[in-house]
């Protein structure tokens, strides 16, 4: 009997970018390209130091500035190249982008209600960028994570992305329906560990923030 070859598992460190000024004031970012604030820069430095002895083979970032700045801190400290993957971008929120949550509710009450009710196929109002339904975003983000994991079997890869991307990975790994409320925290500059084996994503550690003090934010954007 000939056994089928198996693919070595990939260890994935999924990291959320550091804090931005818009995170701090609960202003929705989406695809708008907002840089880290001073606290976010501090978080990125602490994150890089915490990962200094981790056996990382590959470092990949979303193409948005807040993720690239966070990843660059890791790359600079380790002297390793940084790859860019647009598939790791945050969800695009269309007309919601750039607004405070209260402003979204006032300006788009029907769409805001559908968003809060977890209507995963609800269409967002148009804006500077074309919005994505949550289902389309989930498919895009998880496809990018799975493809990167499959491309590096037996390796340890770090992916620097966004709160929504982390939520998608957690839902996939835990088998959580898209429609259920998010009852788990997604912290700025947190380390979240997964293993991809035979095409199946598993969560092994969530929300590591011991390297950060004094505070981290849990935001959707």
Protein backbone atom coordinates (compact mmCIF):
# COMPACT_ATOMS: atom_id res chain seq x y z
CA UNK A 1 0.00 0.00 0.00
CA UNK A 2 1.28 3.45 -0.93
CA UNK A 3 0.41 6.20 1.51
CA UNK A 4 -0.56 9.53 0.03
CA UNK A 5 2.00 12.26 0.78
CA UNK A 6 0.93 14.72 3.46
CA UNK A 7 1.73 18.41 3.55
CA UNK A 8 3.63 19.71 6.55
CA UNK A 9 1.52 22.06 8.69
CA UNK A 10 2.05 25.80 8.47
CA UNK A 11 2.19 27.88 11.65
CA UNK A 12 0.49 31.25 11.16
CA UNK A 13 0.88 34.26 13.44
CA UNK A 14 -1.98 36.59 12.56
CA UNK A 15 -1.33 40.07 13.92
CA UNK A 16 -3.54 43.13 14.07
CA UNK A 17 -1.98 46.50 13.27
CA UNK A 18 -1.18 49.00 16.02
CA UNK A 19 -3.54 51.75 17.12
CA UNK A 20 -4.50 54.68 14.91
CA UNK A 21 -6.12 57.97 15.84
CA UNK A 22 -9.31 56.75 14.20
CA UNK A 23 -9.30 53.56 16.31
CA UNK A 24 -9.09 55.71 19.42
CA UNK A 25 -12.11 57.84 18.46
CA UNK A 26 -14.16 54.98 16.95
CA UNK A 27 -14.07 56.34 13.40
CA UNK A 28 -14.48 53.65 10.75
CA UNK A 29 -11.40 53.21 8.54
CA UNK A 30 -12.03 50.34 6.15
CA UNK A 31 -9.94 50.94 3.04
CA UNK A 32 -9.05 54.53 3.99
CA UNK A 33 -5.29 54.64 4.49
CA UNK A 34 -4.75 55.91 8.04
CA UNK A 35 -1.27 55.78 9.67
CA UNK A 36 -0.44 54.63 13.17
CA UNK A 37 -0.65 57.21 15.95
CA UNK A 38 2.18 57.54 18.51
CA UNK A 39 0.61 54.83 20.67
CA UNK A 40 0.38 52.56 17.64
CA UNK A 41 4.04 53.17 16.85
CA UNK A 42 4.90 52.26 20.45
CA UNK A 43 2.83 49.10 20.17
CA UNK A 44 4.59 48.16 16.94
CA UNK A 45 8.00 48.50 18.61
CA UNK A 46 6.89 46.36 21.57
CA UNK A 47 5.40 43.79 19.21
CA UNK A 48 8.61 43.60 17.20
CA UNK A 49 10.64 43.11 20.37
CA UNK A 50 8.29 40.36 21.56
CA UNK A 51 8.70 38.50 18.26
CA UNK A 52 12.46 39.00 18.05
CA UNK A 53 13.20 35.39 19.02
CA UNK A 54 10.24 33.78 17.23
CA UNK A 55 11.26 31.45 14.36
CA UNK A 56 9.65 33.45 11.56
CA UNK A 57 10.31 32.39 7.98
CA UNK A 58 8.01 34.76 6.10
CA UNK A 59 6.50 38.18 6.93
CA UNK A 60 3.49 39.47 4.97
CA UNK A 61 1.39 42.61 5.42
CA UNK A 62 -1.79 44.13 4.13
CA UNK A 63 -1.05 46.99 1.75
CA UNK A 64 -2.72 49.57 4.00
CA UNK A 65 -0.36 51.91 5.83
CA UNK A 66 -1.34 51.02 9.39
CA UNK A 67 -0.54 47.35 8.77
CA UNK A 68 2.61 48.06 6.74
CA UNK A 69 4.02 50.32 9.47
CA UNK A 70 3.36 47.64 12.08
CA UNK A 71 4.96 44.94 9.95
CA UNK A 72 7.91 47.13 9.03
CA UNK A 73 8.85 47.41 12.70
CA UNK A 74 9.15 43.61 12.78
CA UNK A 75 11.03 43.50 9.48
CA UNK A 76 13.51 46.19 10.55
CA UNK A 77 14.33 44.56 13.88
CA UNK A 78 14.83 41.14 12.31
CA UNK A 79 16.44 42.31 9.07
CA UNK A 80 13.96 40.31 7.00
CA UNK A 81 12.02 41.20 3.84
CA UNK A 82 8.40 42.27 3.97
CA UNK A 83 5.90 40.98 1.43
CA UNK A 84 2.68 42.86 0.63
CA UNK A 85 -0.66 41.11 0.06
CA UNK A 86 -3.71 43.30 -0.75
CA UNK A 87 -5.98 40.33 0.02
CA UNK A 88 -5.27 40.97 3.71
CA UNK A 89 -6.92 44.41 3.59
CA UNK A 90 -9.66 45.36 6.00
CA UNK A 91 -13.26 45.15 4.82
CA UNK A 92 -14.35 48.03 2.62
CA UNK A 93 -17.27 49.85 4.22
CA UNK A 94 -18.22 52.18 1.35
CA UNK A 95 -20.09 55.24 2.59
CA UNK A 96 -19.51 54.28 6.23
CA UNK A 97 -15.78 54.99 5.92
CA UNK A 98 -14.48 58.09 7.64
CA UNK A 99 -17.52 58.41 9.90
CA UNK A 100 -17.96 57.96 13.63
CA UNK A 101 -20.34 55.18 14.60
CA UNK A 102 -22.93 57.74 15.76
CA UNK A 103 -22.63 59.56 12.43
CA UNK A 104 -23.18 56.32 10.50
CA UNK A 105 -26.36 55.61 12.48
CA UNK A 106 -27.67 59.13 11.86
CA UNK A 107 -26.79 59.29 8.16
CA UNK A 108 -27.59 55.71 7.14
CA UNK A 109 -30.10 54.38 9.70
CA UNK A 110 -31.37 51.46 7.58
CA UNK A 111 -27.92 50.27 6.52
CA UNK A 112 -26.57 50.79 10.04
CA UNK A 113 -29.37 48.66 11.49
CA UNK A 114 -28.64 45.84 9.02
CA UNK A 115 -24.92 46.04 9.87
CA UNK A 116 -25.61 45.84 13.60
CA UNK A 117 -28.05 42.96 13.02
CA UNK A 118 -25.26 40.97 11.32
CA UNK A 119 -26.97 40.81 7.92
CA UNK A 120 -23.99 39.28 6.15
CA UNK A 121 -25.35 39.99 2.67
CA UNK A 122 -26.42 43.59 3.32
CA UNK A 123 -25.16 46.04 0.69
CA UNK A 124 -23.36 49.09 2.07
CA UNK A 125 -24.03 52.62 0.78
CA UNK A 126 -21.62 53.91 -1.86
CA UNK A 127 -18.67 56.08 -0.87
CA UNK A 128 -15.14 56.85 -2.02
CA UNK A 129 -14.65 53.06 -2.15
CA UNK A 130 -17.11 50.34 -3.09
CA UNK A 131 -18.33 48.51 0.00
CA UNK A 132 -18.18 44.75 0.53
CA UNK A 133 -20.82 42.55 2.09
CA UNK A 134 -19.51 40.69 5.11
CA UNK A 135 -19.85 37.40 3.24
CA UNK A 136 -17.76 38.68 0.30
CA UNK A 137 -15.17 40.08 2.71
CA UNK A 138 -15.01 36.80 4.65
CA UNK A 139 -14.41 34.85 1.44
CA UNK A 140 -11.72 37.27 0.26
CA UNK A 141 -9.85 37.45 3.59
CA UNK A 142 -9.91 33.73 4.37
CA UNK A 143 -8.87 32.84 0.80
CA UNK A 144 -5.81 35.08 1.19
CA UNK A 145 -4.86 33.51 4.55
CA UNK A 146 -5.33 29.95 3.29
CA UNK A 147 -3.35 30.63 0.11
CA UNK A 148 -0.45 32.13 2.03
CA UNK A 149 -0.47 29.22 4.47
CA UNK A 150 -0.58 26.65 1.67
CA UNK A 151 2.32 28.36 -0.10
CA UNK A 152 4.63 27.86 2.90
CA UNK A 153 4.16 24.31 4.23
CA UNK A 154 6.27 23.51 7.27
CA UNK A 155 7.11 27.18 7.78
CA UNK A 156 6.12 29.80 10.33
CA UNK A 157 4.60 32.89 8.73
CA UNK A 158 3.48 36.19 10.26
CA UNK A 159 0.58 38.02 8.63
CA UNK A 160 -0.07 41.61 9.69
CA UNK A 161 -3.63 42.61 8.94
CA UNK A 162 -6.76 44.13 10.47
CA UNK A 163 -9.46 43.49 13.05
CA UNK A 164 -11.97 42.29 10.48
CA UNK A 165 -9.46 39.91 8.91
CA UNK A 166 -8.67 38.45 12.33
CA UNK A 167 -12.39 38.02 12.99
CA UNK A 168 -12.78 36.10 9.72
CA UNK A 169 -9.88 33.78 10.55
CA UNK A 170 -11.26 33.10 14.02
CA UNK A 171 -14.72 32.32 12.65
CA UNK A 172 -13.26 29.96 10.05
CA UNK A 173 -11.03 28.18 12.57
CA UNK A 174 -13.80 27.82 15.15
CA UNK A 175 -16.60 27.03 12.72
CA UNK A 176 -18.63 30.04 13.86
CA UNK A 177 -21.54 31.15 11.66
CA UNK A 178 -21.04 34.55 10.08
CA UNK A 179 -24.37 35.75 11.46
CA UNK A 180 -23.51 35.30 15.13
CA UNK A 181 -22.42 38.31 17.20
CA UNK A 182 -18.72 38.81 17.71
CA UNK A 183 -18.25 37.79 21.34
CA UNK A 184 -14.45 37.72 21.26
CA UNK A 185 -11.93 40.54 21.50
CA UNK A 186 -9.67 41.67 18.66
CA UNK A 187 -6.88 43.80 20.10
CA UNK A 188 -4.50 46.21 18.41
CA UNK A 189 -1.00 44.72 17.95
CA UNK A 190 -2.15 41.36 19.30
CA UNK A 191 -0.61 38.05 18.28
CA UNK A 192 -3.09 35.32 17.35
CA UNK A 193 -1.78 31.85 16.49
CA UNK A 194 -3.15 29.33 14.00
CA UNK A 195 -2.05 26.11 12.36
CA UNK A 196 -3.01 25.22 8.78
CA UNK A 197 -2.85 21.48 8.17
CA UNK A 198 -4.30 19.61 5.20
CA UNK A 199 -6.30 22.71 4.28
CA UNK A 200 -7.89 23.04 7.74
CA UNK A 201 -7.25 26.15 9.85
CA UNK A 202 -7.10 25.72 13.64
CA UNK A 203 -6.78 28.40 16.31
CA UNK A 204 -4.15 27.57 18.95
CA UNK A 205 -3.84 30.87 20.85
CA UNK A 206 -5.91 34.05 20.74
CA UNK A 207 -5.40 37.63 21.82
CA UNK A 208 -1.81 37.63 23.09
CA UNK A 209 -1.17 41.18 24.33
CA UNK A 210 1.13 40.62 27.30
CA UNK A 211 3.82 42.52 25.39
CA UNK A 212 1.67 45.67 25.37
CA UNK A 213 1.08 48.10 28.19
CA UNK A 214 -0.77 50.04 29.37
CA UNK A 215 -3.81 49.58 27.16
CA UNK A 216 -5.01 48.09 23.89
CA UNK A 217 -8.18 48.78 21.96
CA UNK A 218 -10.76 46.33 20.72
CA UNK A 219 -12.23 47.81 17.56
CA UNK A 220 -13.83 46.48 14.42
CA UNK A 221 -11.69 48.56 12.09
